[in-house]
Structure formats: C-alpha cells, structure tokens
Amino acid sequence: MYAPNHKFALNQVPLMSVKILIVDDHDVVRQGLRSFLAVRPDWEICGEACNGDEAIRAVADFRPDLVILDVTMPGMSGLEAASRIRALGNATRILIFTMHESPRIAIDVHEAGAHGFVQKSQASRDLILAVERLLSGDTFFGHEQDVQSRETTSDKPSVSAKAAPKTDLSFRLARAFF
C-alpha cells in the first residue's frame, strides 16, 4: 500500500504532503507540470500517467489528493476519465488541464464531475492558484470566472476584478450550473 510522504518544518512538526497525480499524453507537458509544481515543497508528485485508463488505475493505487488531467488523450478522454475517477468514490479533487478555449469547456468539465479547469495557455498565471483552490475544497473554472466570483462576494473588488468582462459567455454558462 502507498505510504504518504512526511515532511518536517523547521519546528519539526510533521506535515503531510499533498499528493498530486499528473496525467497528460505528452511527456514534455508532464515534466513541465512537475517542475512548475515543485515551487511548493509540501506538494508531492505521487505519480504520472499518459492516458485515461492509466489515470484511473493510478488514482485507485495512489489515492492522490488532486489529479491534473489533460482532456485530449489517446483512447479515453480526460473528461471520461474524470467521470470514472469520481465513480471510484474517493476524495480526489480533479483539475482539468486543457488546450481548448471553447465556452463549452466549463459545462463539459462540470458535467464530468471535475472541480475545475485551467487552460494550458494560462497555466503560468492560473495553475498554482487553481491547485490551491481545489485543495481548499473550492473550485476553479478559469481566471475570469474566479475574478467574477470574488467580485460578487467581496465588498471591494480588486482593480483586475473591476476590469473583468461581465459578459464572458463561459462564465455565464458555468454559473448557470452551480
């Protein structure tokens, strides 16, 4: 059975590592994600997979806290894999990592049972924030949606929140389902 990795802070209090599974059919993308996520010493890459079937097996074996899952892979799509991972009944949070920029992606991600998505073109801006949000039990459906949701719950939105377009179609579609 998989044993969690324990890290120690300066005061020697053991900290549980957050286990993250990376799933993408391109090795260079997996390597990039691994490097990008290394900024957080409490985040451990517990495994990698290159297709949906491997992802489902890895989630069952490693029980990660979070899986970052590509949409377009050979064989089973990431959305189908997300649905099957949710059916396992564990507490793994699912973040879809996609090159698709269609307004429909928010709906597809939600219908698959995933907890959010990050567009690959926006990863440098959104990925760390999205992972943090999912690990805290929240969702992340793109930067614009995140800004909009904070704008509706904050008395004093940030300058970027004020500048965010209020007519973004993907945001309106995603909000209709939550």
N, C-alpha and C. Protein backbone atom coordinates (compact mmCIF):
# COMPACT_ATOMS: atom_id res chain seq x y z
N MET A 1 0.84 -1.19 0.00
CA MET A 1 0.00 0.00 0.00
C MET A 1 0.88 1.24 0.00
N TYR A 2 0.40 2.29 -0.60
CA TYR A 2 1.14 3.54 -0.71
C TYR A 2 1.20 4.22 0.65
N ALA A 3 2.37 4.61 1.08
CA ALA A 3 2.55 5.33 2.35
C ALA A 3 2.77 6.80 2.05
N PRO A 4 2.05 7.69 2.74
CA PRO A 4 2.24 9.12 2.48
C PRO A 4 3.63 9.58 2.89
N ASN A 5 4.12 10.55 2.18
CA ASN A 5 5.43 11.12 2.46
C ASN A 5 5.27 12.19 3.54
N HIS A 6 6.07 12.13 4.57
CA HIS A 6 6.02 13.14 5.64
C HIS A 6 7.18 14.10 5.47
N LYS A 7 6.89 15.39 5.58
CA LYS A 7 7.91 16.42 5.55
C LYS A 7 7.96 17.05 6.93
N PHE A 8 9.10 17.64 7.28
CA PHE A 8 9.23 18.28 8.56
C PHE A 8 9.53 19.76 8.37
N ALA A 9 8.81 20.58 9.11
CA ALA A 9 9.05 22.02 9.10
C ALA A 9 10.21 22.31 10.04
N LEU A 10 10.62 23.56 10.10
CA LEU A 10 11.73 23.94 10.96
C LEU A 10 11.48 23.58 12.41
N ASN A 11 10.25 23.64 12.85
CA ASN A 11 9.94 23.31 14.24
C ASN A 11 9.73 21.81 14.44
N GLN A 12 10.05 21.01 13.43
CA GLN A 12 10.00 19.55 13.49
C GLN A 12 8.59 18.99 13.67
N VAL A 13 7.57 19.74 13.29
CA VAL A 13 6.21 19.23 13.29
C VAL A 13 5.98 18.55 11.95
N PRO A 14 5.62 17.27 11.93
CA PRO A 14 5.44 16.60 10.63
C PRO A 14 4.28 17.20 9.86
N LEU A 15 4.51 17.43 8.59
CA LEU A 15 3.48 17.93 7.69
C LEU A 15 3.18 16.84 6.67
N MET A 16 1.92 16.60 6.41
CA MET A 16 1.55 15.65 5.38
C MET A 16 1.71 16.32 4.01
N SER A 17 2.36 15.63 3.12
CA SER A 17 2.48 16.13 1.76
C SER A 17 1.14 15.98 1.05
N VAL A 18 0.86 16.92 0.20
CA VAL A 18 -0.28 16.81 -0.68
C VAL A 18 0.16 15.98 -1.87
N LYS A 19 -0.57 14.93 -2.17
CA LYS A 19 -0.22 14.04 -3.28
C LYS A 19 -0.95 14.48 -4.54
N ILE A 20 -0.16 14.67 -5.61
CA ILE A 20 -0.71 15.11 -6.89
C ILE A 20 -0.32 14.11 -7.98
N LEU A 21 -1.30 13.71 -8.76
CA LEU A 21 -1.10 12.84 -9.91
C LEU A 21 -1.21 13.69 -11.17
N ILE A 22 -0.25 13.54 -12.07
CA ILE A 22 -0.24 14.29 -13.34
C ILE A 22 -0.56 13.33 -14.48
N VAL A 23 -1.55 13.71 -15.30
CA VAL A 23 -1.97 12.87 -16.42
C VAL A 23 -2.00 13.70 -17.70
N ASP A 24 -1.10 13.37 -18.62
CA ASP A 24 -1.05 14.01 -19.93
C ASP A 24 -0.34 13.06 -20.87
N ASP A 25 -0.74 13.01 -22.11
CA ASP A 25 -0.10 12.08 -23.05
C ASP A 25 1.23 12.59 -23.58
N HIS A 26 1.62 13.80 -23.25
CA HIS A 26 2.90 14.35 -23.70
C HIS A 26 3.87 14.42 -22.53
N ASP A 27 4.98 13.72 -22.67
CA ASP A 27 5.99 13.68 -21.61
C ASP A 27 6.50 15.07 -21.27
N VAL A 28 6.69 15.91 -22.26
CA VAL A 28 7.21 17.26 -22.01
C VAL A 28 6.24 18.07 -21.16
N VAL A 29 4.95 17.88 -21.34
CA VAL A 29 3.95 18.57 -20.52
C VAL A 29 4.01 18.06 -19.09
N ARG A 30 4.10 16.74 -18.92
CA ARG A 30 4.21 16.19 -17.56
C ARG A 30 5.45 16.71 -16.86
N GLN A 31 6.58 16.76 -17.58
CA GLN A 31 7.81 17.29 -17.00
C GLN A 31 7.65 18.76 -16.60
N GLY A 32 7.02 19.52 -17.47
CA GLY A 32 6.80 20.94 -17.18
C GLY A 32 5.91 21.14 -15.97
N LEU A 33 4.84 20.36 -15.87
CA LEU A 33 3.96 20.45 -14.71
C LEU A 33 4.71 20.08 -13.43
N ARG A 34 5.48 19.02 -13.51
CA ARG A 34 6.25 18.58 -12.35
C ARG A 34 7.17 19.70 -11.88
N SER A 35 7.88 20.33 -12.80
CA SER A 35 8.79 21.43 -12.47
C SER A 35 8.03 22.63 -11.91
N PHE A 36 6.92 22.95 -12.54
CA PHE A 36 6.14 24.11 -12.13
C PHE A 36 5.57 23.92 -10.72
N LEU A 37 5.11 22.72 -10.41
CA LEU A 37 4.51 22.45 -9.10
C LEU A 37 5.55 22.29 -7.99
N ALA A 38 6.82 22.15 -8.37
CA ALA A 38 7.89 21.96 -7.39
C ALA A 38 8.11 23.20 -6.52
N VAL A 39 7.48 24.32 -6.85
CA VAL A 39 7.64 25.53 -6.04
C VAL A 39 7.08 25.33 -4.63
N ARG A 40 6.21 24.36 -4.48
CA ARG A 40 5.61 24.08 -3.18
C ARG A 40 6.19 22.80 -2.61
N PRO A 41 7.05 22.88 -1.59
CA PRO A 41 7.69 21.67 -1.05
C PRO A 41 6.71 20.69 -0.41
N ASP A 42 5.52 21.15 -0.06
CA ASP A 42 4.52 20.25 0.53
C ASP A 42 3.65 19.56 -0.53
N TRP A 43 3.92 19.81 -1.81
CA TRP A 43 3.21 19.15 -2.89
C TRP A 43 4.11 18.07 -3.47
N GLU A 44 3.66 16.84 -3.41
CA GLU A 44 4.43 15.70 -3.90
C GLU A 44 3.76 15.13 -5.15
N ILE A 45 4.53 14.97 -6.21
CA ILE A 45 4.01 14.29 -7.39
C ILE A 45 4.09 12.80 -7.08
N CYS A 46 2.96 12.18 -6.81
CA CYS A 46 2.93 10.78 -6.40
C CYS A 46 2.94 9.83 -7.58
N GLY A 47 2.67 10.35 -8.78
CA GLY A 47 2.68 9.50 -9.96
C GLY A 47 2.33 10.28 -11.21
N GLU A 48 2.50 9.62 -12.33
CA GLU A 48 2.17 10.18 -13.63
C GLU A 48 1.49 9.10 -14.46
N ALA A 49 0.66 9.54 -15.38
CA ALA A 49 0.01 8.63 -16.31
C ALA A 49 -0.09 9.34 -17.65
N CYS A 50 -0.22 8.54 -18.73
CA CYS A 50 -0.27 9.16 -20.06
C CYS A 50 -1.59 8.91 -20.79
N ASN A 51 -2.56 8.29 -20.11
CA ASN A 51 -3.87 8.13 -20.73
C ASN A 51 -4.93 7.91 -19.63
N GLY A 52 -6.17 7.90 -20.04
CA GLY A 52 -7.27 7.80 -19.08
C GLY A 52 -7.29 6.50 -18.29
N ASP A 53 -7.03 5.38 -18.96
CA ASP A 53 -7.02 4.09 -18.25
C ASP A 53 -5.95 4.06 -17.17
N GLU A 54 -4.75 4.53 -17.50
CA GLU A 54 -3.67 4.58 -16.51
C GLU A 54 -4.04 5.53 -15.37
N ALA A 55 -4.71 6.63 -15.69
CA ALA A 55 -5.11 7.59 -14.67
C ALA A 55 -6.03 6.95 -13.64
N ILE A 56 -7.00 6.20 -14.10
CA ILE A 56 -7.96 5.56 -13.20
C ILE A 56 -7.23 4.56 -12.29
N ARG A 57 -6.34 3.77 -12.86
CA ARG A 57 -5.57 2.81 -12.05
C ARG A 57 -4.68 3.53 -11.04
N ALA A 58 -4.04 4.61 -11.47
CA ALA A 58 -3.15 5.35 -10.58
C ALA A 58 -3.92 6.01 -9.43
N VAL A 59 -5.10 6.52 -9.70
CA VAL A 59 -5.92 7.11 -8.64
C VAL A 59 -6.31 6.03 -7.63
N ALA A 60 -6.68 4.85 -8.12
CA ALA A 60 -7.03 3.75 -7.21
C ALA A 60 -5.82 3.31 -6.39
N ASP A 61 -4.65 3.27 -7.00
CA ASP A 61 -3.44 2.81 -6.30
C ASP A 61 -2.86 3.84 -5.35
N PHE A 62 -2.75 5.09 -5.79
CA PHE A 62 -2.04 6.11 -5.02
C PHE A 62 -2.96 6.98 -4.16
N ARG A 63 -4.24 7.03 -4.47
CA ARG A 63 -5.20 7.88 -3.77
C ARG A 63 -4.69 9.31 -3.61
N PRO A 64 -4.43 9.97 -4.73
CA PRO A 64 -3.91 11.34 -4.65
C PRO A 64 -4.97 12.31 -4.12
N ASP A 65 -4.50 13.41 -3.58
CA ASP A 65 -5.42 14.47 -3.16
C ASP A 65 -5.97 15.22 -4.36
N LEU A 66 -5.15 15.27 -5.43
CA LEU A 66 -5.52 16.02 -6.63
C LEU A 66 -4.97 15.31 -7.85
N VAL A 67 -5.75 15.28 -8.91
CA VAL A 67 -5.26 14.80 -10.20
C VAL A 67 -5.40 15.94 -11.21
N ILE A 68 -4.31 16.21 -11.93
CA ILE A 68 -4.32 17.18 -13.02
C ILE A 68 -4.42 16.36 -14.29
N LEU A 69 -5.50 16.56 -15.03
CA LEU A 69 -5.90 15.64 -16.09
C LEU A 69 -6.09 16.36 -17.42
N ASP A 70 -5.30 15.97 -18.42
CA ASP A 70 -5.44 16.51 -19.76
C ASP A 70 -6.78 16.05 -20.34
N VAL A 71 -7.35 16.85 -21.21
CA VAL A 71 -8.62 16.49 -21.85
C VAL A 71 -8.41 15.55 -23.03
N THR A 72 -7.51 15.92 -23.93
CA THR A 72 -7.36 15.20 -25.18
C THR A 72 -6.18 14.25 -25.10
N MET A 73 -6.51 12.96 -24.97
CA MET A 73 -5.50 11.90 -24.89
C MET A 73 -5.96 10.75 -25.76
N PRO A 74 -5.04 9.90 -26.20
CA PRO A 74 -5.46 8.73 -26.98
C PRO A 74 -6.33 7.81 -26.14
N GLY A 75 -7.28 7.18 -26.80
CA GLY A 75 -8.18 6.28 -26.07
C GLY A 75 -9.25 7.09 -25.36
N MET A 76 -9.30 6.93 -24.06
CA MET A 76 -10.30 7.60 -23.23
C MET A 76 -9.95 9.08 -23.02
N SER A 77 -10.93 9.94 -23.20
CA SER A 77 -10.69 11.37 -22.98
C SER A 77 -10.52 11.65 -21.49
N GLY A 78 -9.93 12.80 -21.20
CA GLY A 78 -9.79 13.20 -19.81
C GLY A 78 -11.12 13.43 -19.13
N LEU A 79 -12.11 13.87 -19.88
CA LEU A 79 -13.43 14.09 -19.28
C LEU A 79 -14.07 12.77 -18.89
N GLU A 80 -13.95 11.75 -19.74
CA GLU A 80 -14.46 10.41 -19.40
C GLU A 80 -13.70 9.85 -18.20
N ALA A 81 -12.38 10.03 -18.20
CA ALA A 81 -11.57 9.56 -17.07
C ALA A 81 -11.99 10.27 -15.78
N ALA A 82 -12.28 11.57 -15.86
CA ALA A 82 -12.74 12.31 -14.68
C ALA A 82 -14.02 11.72 -14.13
N SER A 83 -14.95 11.42 -15.01
CA SER A 83 -16.22 10.82 -14.59
C SER A 83 -15.99 9.47 -13.91
N ARG A 84 -15.10 8.66 -14.46
CA ARG A 84 -14.81 7.35 -13.86
C ARG A 84 -14.04 7.47 -12.55
N ILE A 85 -13.18 8.46 -12.45
CA ILE A 85 -12.45 8.69 -11.20
C ILE A 85 -13.44 9.09 -10.11
N ARG A 86 -14.38 9.95 -10.43
CA ARG A 86 -15.41 10.33 -9.45
C ARG A 86 -16.21 9.12 -9.00
N ALA A 87 -16.46 8.19 -9.92
CA ALA A 87 -17.24 6.99 -9.59
C ALA A 87 -16.50 6.07 -8.62
N LEU A 88 -15.18 6.24 -8.48
CA LEU A 88 -14.42 5.44 -7.51
C LEU A 88 -14.83 5.78 -6.08
N GLY A 89 -15.39 6.96 -5.89
CA GLY A 89 -15.90 7.34 -4.58
C GLY A 89 -14.86 7.85 -3.60
N ASN A 90 -13.65 8.13 -4.06
CA ASN A 90 -12.66 8.69 -3.14
C ASN A 90 -12.73 10.22 -3.16
N ALA A 91 -11.91 10.85 -2.36
CA ALA A 91 -11.98 12.30 -2.20
C ALA A 91 -11.04 13.06 -3.14
N THR A 92 -10.50 12.40 -4.14
CA THR A 92 -9.58 13.05 -5.07
C THR A 92 -10.26 14.21 -5.78
N ARG A 93 -9.60 15.36 -5.75
CA ARG A 93 -10.08 16.53 -6.48
C ARG A 93 -9.53 16.45 -7.91
N ILE A 94 -10.31 16.91 -8.88
CA ILE A 94 -9.93 16.77 -10.28
C ILE A 94 -9.85 18.13 -10.94
N LEU A 95 -8.67 18.43 -11.48
CA LEU A 95 -8.43 19.66 -12.23
C LEU A 95 -8.13 19.29 -13.67
N ILE A 96 -8.97 19.76 -14.57
CA ILE A 96 -8.77 19.51 -15.99
C ILE A 96 -7.77 20.53 -16.53
N PHE A 97 -6.82 20.04 -17.32
CA PHE A 97 -5.77 20.87 -17.92
C PHE A 97 -5.96 20.76 -19.42
N THR A 98 -6.34 21.86 -20.06
CA THR A 98 -6.79 21.77 -21.45
C THR A 98 -6.23 22.87 -22.35
N MET A 99 -6.07 22.51 -23.62
CA MET A 99 -5.69 23.50 -24.62
C MET A 99 -6.94 24.13 -25.23
N HIS A 100 -8.11 23.55 -24.98
CA HIS A 100 -9.36 24.04 -25.57
C HIS A 100 -9.80 25.33 -24.90
N GLU A 101 -10.23 26.27 -25.73
CA GLU A 101 -10.66 27.57 -25.21
C GLU A 101 -12.11 27.86 -25.55
N SER A 102 -12.89 26.84 -25.70
CA SER A 102 -14.31 26.97 -26.03
C SER A 102 -15.11 27.36 -24.78
N PRO A 103 -16.13 28.18 -24.94
CA PRO A 103 -17.01 28.47 -23.80
C PRO A 103 -17.67 27.21 -23.25
N ARG A 104 -17.77 26.18 -24.06
CA ARG A 104 -18.40 24.92 -23.66
C ARG A 104 -17.57 24.14 -22.64
N ILE A 105 -16.27 24.42 -22.53
CA ILE A 105 -15.41 23.63 -21.67
C ILE A 105 -15.86 23.65 -20.21
N ALA A 106 -16.33 24.78 -19.72
CA ALA A 106 -16.79 24.86 -18.32
C ALA A 106 -17.95 23.90 -18.08
N ILE A 107 -18.85 23.81 -19.04
CA ILE A 107 -20.00 22.90 -18.92
C ILE A 107 -19.53 21.46 -18.96
N ASP A 108 -18.67 21.13 -19.92
CA ASP A 108 -18.17 19.76 -20.05
C ASP A 108 -17.41 19.32 -18.80
N VAL A 109 -16.60 20.20 -18.26
CA VAL A 109 -15.83 19.89 -17.05
C VAL A 109 -16.77 19.63 -15.88
N HIS A 110 -17.74 20.48 -15.73
CA HIS A 110 -18.72 20.30 -14.64
C HIS A 110 -19.51 19.00 -14.81
N GLU A 111 -19.97 18.74 -16.02
CA GLU A 111 -20.75 17.51 -16.26
C GLU A 111 -19.92 16.25 -16.01
N ALA A 112 -18.61 16.33 -16.21
CA ALA A 112 -17.73 15.18 -15.98
C ALA A 112 -17.46 14.97 -14.48
N GLY A 113 -17.85 15.94 -13.67
CA GLY A 113 -17.64 15.82 -12.23
C GLY A 113 -16.31 16.37 -11.75
N ALA A 114 -15.57 17.06 -12.64
CA ALA A 114 -14.30 17.68 -12.23
C ALA A 114 -14.60 18.94 -11.43
N HIS A 115 -13.60 19.39 -10.70
CA HIS A 115 -13.76 20.52 -9.80
C HIS A 115 -13.24 21.83 -10.38
N GLY A 116 -12.71 21.76 -11.60
CA GLY A 116 -12.24 22.97 -12.24
C GLY A 116 -11.38 22.67 -13.45
N PHE A 117 -10.93 23.74 -14.10
CA PHE A 117 -10.05 23.58 -15.25
C PHE A 117 -9.12 24.77 -15.36
N VAL A 118 -7.99 24.52 -16.00
CA VAL A 118 -7.02 25.56 -16.35
C VAL A 118 -6.69 25.37 -17.81
N GLN A 119 -6.72 26.44 -18.56
CA GLN A 119 -6.30 26.38 -19.96
C GLN A 119 -4.77 26.37 -19.99
N LYS A 120 -4.21 25.52 -20.83
CA LYS A 120 -2.75 25.42 -20.92
C LYS A 120 -2.13 26.76 -21.26
N SER A 121 -2.80 27.55 -22.06
CA SER A 121 -2.27 28.87 -22.43
C SER A 121 -2.22 29.83 -21.25
N GLN A 122 -2.93 29.52 -20.18
CA GLN A 122 -2.98 30.38 -18.99
C GLN A 122 -2.32 29.74 -17.77
N ALA A 123 -1.62 28.64 -17.96
CA ALA A 123 -1.07 27.88 -16.83
C ALA A 123 -0.13 28.70 -15.97
N SER A 124 0.71 29.52 -16.56
CA SER A 124 1.67 30.28 -15.75
C SER A 124 0.95 31.24 -14.81
N ARG A 125 -0.21 31.70 -15.19
CA ARG A 125 -0.99 32.61 -14.36
C ARG A 125 -1.92 31.87 -13.40
N ASP A 126 -2.53 30.76 -13.85
CA ASP A 126 -3.64 30.17 -13.12
C ASP A 126 -3.36 28.86 -12.38
N LEU A 127 -2.34 28.11 -12.77
CA LEU A 127 -2.21 26.74 -12.27
C LEU A 127 -2.03 26.66 -10.76
N ILE A 128 -1.11 27.41 -10.20
CA ILE A 128 -0.87 27.33 -8.75
C ILE A 128 -2.12 27.76 -7.99
N LEU A 129 -2.75 28.83 -8.41
CA LEU A 129 -3.98 29.30 -7.77
C LEU A 129 -5.07 28.24 -7.86
N ALA A 130 -5.22 27.63 -9.03
CA ALA A 130 -6.25 26.60 -9.20
C ALA A 130 -6.00 25.41 -8.28
N VAL A 131 -4.76 24.96 -8.20
CA VAL A 131 -4.44 23.83 -7.32
C VAL A 131 -4.74 24.21 -5.87
N GLU A 132 -4.33 25.39 -5.45
CA GLU A 132 -4.62 25.83 -4.08
C GLU A 132 -6.11 25.87 -3.82
N ARG A 133 -6.88 26.39 -4.78
CA ARG A 133 -8.34 26.49 -4.60
C ARG A 133 -8.97 25.10 -4.48
N LEU A 134 -8.57 24.17 -5.35
CA LEU A 134 -9.14 22.83 -5.29
C LEU A 134 -8.76 22.12 -4.00
N LEU A 135 -7.52 22.27 -3.57
CA LEU A 135 -7.08 21.62 -2.34
C LEU A 135 -7.78 22.19 -1.11
N SER A 136 -8.26 23.42 -1.20
CA SER A 136 -9.00 24.01 -0.08
C SER A 136 -10.49 23.66 -0.14
N GLY A 137 -10.89 22.85 -1.13
CA GLY A 137 -12.28 22.42 -1.23
C GLY A 137 -13.12 23.28 -2.15
N ASP A 138 -12.51 24.26 -2.78
CA ASP A 138 -13.22 25.17 -3.67
C ASP A 138 -13.11 24.66 -5.11
N THR A 139 -13.59 25.44 -6.06
CA THR A 139 -13.50 25.11 -7.48
C THR A 139 -12.71 26.21 -8.18
N PHE A 140 -12.33 25.93 -9.42
CA PHE A 140 -11.65 26.94 -10.24
C PHE A 140 -12.04 26.69 -11.69
N PHE A 141 -12.78 27.62 -12.26
CA PHE A 141 -13.24 27.48 -13.64
C PHE A 141 -12.70 28.59 -14.52
N GLY A 142 -11.42 28.83 -14.41
CA GLY A 142 -10.75 29.83 -15.23
C GLY A 142 -10.62 31.15 -14.50
N HIS A 143 -9.62 31.91 -14.89
CA HIS A 143 -9.30 33.18 -14.22
C HIS A 143 -10.48 34.15 -14.23
N GLU A 144 -11.13 34.33 -15.37
CA GLU A 144 -12.22 35.29 -15.45
C GLU A 144 -13.37 34.89 -14.52
N GLN A 145 -13.66 33.60 -14.46
CA GLN A 145 -14.72 33.14 -13.57
C GLN A 145 -14.33 33.36 -12.12
N ASP A 146 -13.06 33.12 -11.80
CA ASP A 146 -12.57 33.32 -10.44
C ASP A 146 -12.68 34.78 -10.04
N VAL A 147 -12.29 35.67 -10.93
CA VAL A 147 -12.38 37.10 -10.65
C VAL A 147 -13.84 37.49 -10.47
N GLN A 148 -14.71 37.00 -11.34
CA GLN A 148 -16.14 37.33 -11.24
C GLN A 148 -16.74 36.82 -9.93
N SER A 149 -16.40 35.59 -9.52
CA SER A 149 -16.98 35.06 -8.28
C SER A 149 -16.49 35.84 -7.08
N ARG A 150 -15.21 36.28 -7.08
CA ARG A 150 -14.72 37.11 -5.98
C ARG A 150 -15.38 38.47 -6.00
N GLU A 151 -15.70 38.97 -7.18
CA GLU A 151 -16.34 40.28 -7.28
C GLU A 151 -17.73 40.25 -6.65
N THR A 152 -18.44 39.15 -6.78
CA THR A 152 -19.78 39.05 -6.21
C THR A 152 -19.77 38.80 -4.71
N THR A 153 -18.63 38.34 -4.16
CA THR A 153 -18.57 38.05 -2.73
C THR A 153 -17.72 39.06 -1.96
N SER A 154 -17.10 39.99 -2.63
CA SER A 154 -16.21 40.94 -1.97
C SER A 154 -16.83 42.33 -1.99
N ASP A 155 -16.67 43.04 -0.88
CA ASP A 155 -17.15 44.42 -0.82
C ASP A 155 -16.30 45.34 -1.68
N LYS A 156 -15.00 45.05 -1.76
CA LYS A 156 -14.08 45.90 -2.50
C LYS A 156 -13.29 45.05 -3.49
N PRO A 157 -13.82 44.85 -4.70
CA PRO A 157 -13.09 44.04 -5.67
C PRO A 157 -11.79 44.71 -6.09
N SER A 158 -10.84 43.90 -6.52
CA SER A 158 -9.56 44.42 -6.99
C SER A 158 -9.74 45.14 -8.30
N VAL A 159 -8.72 45.87 -8.69
CA VAL A 159 -8.75 46.58 -9.97
C VAL A 159 -8.98 45.60 -11.11
N SER A 160 -8.31 44.43 -11.06
CA SER A 160 -8.48 43.44 -12.13
C SER A 160 -9.90 42.90 -12.15
N ALA A 161 -10.52 42.78 -10.99
CA ALA A 161 -11.90 42.30 -10.94
C ALA A 161 -12.83 43.32 -11.56
N LYS A 162 -12.58 44.61 -11.31
CA LYS A 162 -13.42 45.64 -11.91
C LYS A 162 -13.28 45.65 -13.42
N ALA A 163 -12.09 45.29 -13.91
CA ALA A 163 -11.83 45.33 -15.35
C ALA A 163 -12.29 44.08 -16.08
N ALA A 164 -12.63 43.03 -15.33
CA ALA A 164 -13.02 41.77 -15.96
C ALA A 164 -14.33 41.94 -16.73
N PRO A 165 -14.42 41.35 -17.91
CA PRO A 165 -15.65 41.49 -18.69
C PRO A 165 -16.82 40.77 -18.03
N LYS A 166 -17.93 41.45 -17.90
CA LYS A 166 -19.10 40.86 -17.24
C LYS A 166 -19.95 40.05 -18.21
N THR A 167 -19.61 40.06 -19.48
CA THR A 167 -20.41 39.35 -20.47
C THR A 167 -19.73 38.07 -20.95
N ASP A 168 -18.68 37.64 -20.28
CA ASP A 168 -17.97 36.43 -20.70
C ASP A 168 -18.93 35.24 -20.73
N LEU A 169 -19.12 34.65 -21.89
CA LEU A 169 -20.09 33.59 -22.09
C LEU A 169 -19.78 32.36 -21.25
N SER A 170 -18.50 31.95 -21.20
CA SER A 170 -18.18 30.75 -20.44
C SER A 170 -18.48 30.94 -18.97
N PHE A 171 -18.28 32.15 -18.45
CA PHE A 171 -18.61 32.41 -17.05
C PHE A 171 -20.10 32.29 -16.82
N ARG A 172 -20.90 32.89 -17.69
CA ARG A 172 -22.35 32.82 -17.52
C ARG A 172 -22.85 31.39 -17.61
N LEU A 173 -22.29 30.60 -18.53
CA LEU A 173 -22.69 29.21 -18.66
C LEU A 173 -22.31 28.41 -17.43
N ALA A 174 -21.08 28.61 -16.94
CA ALA A 174 -20.62 27.88 -15.77
C ALA A 174 -21.47 28.24 -14.55
N ARG A 175 -21.76 29.52 -14.37
CA ARG A 175 -22.57 29.96 -13.21
C ARG A 175 -23.98 29.36 -13.26
N ALA A 176 -24.49 29.09 -14.45
CA ALA A 176 -25.82 28.52 -14.57
C ALA A 176 -25.90 27.11 -14.00
N PHE A 177 -24.75 26.42 -13.92
CA PHE A 177 -24.74 25.06 -13.45
C PHE A 177 -24.32 24.93 -12.00
N PHE A 178 -23.98 26.01 -11.31
CA PHE A 178 -23.51 25.93 -9.92
C PHE A 178 -24.40 26.65 -8.97
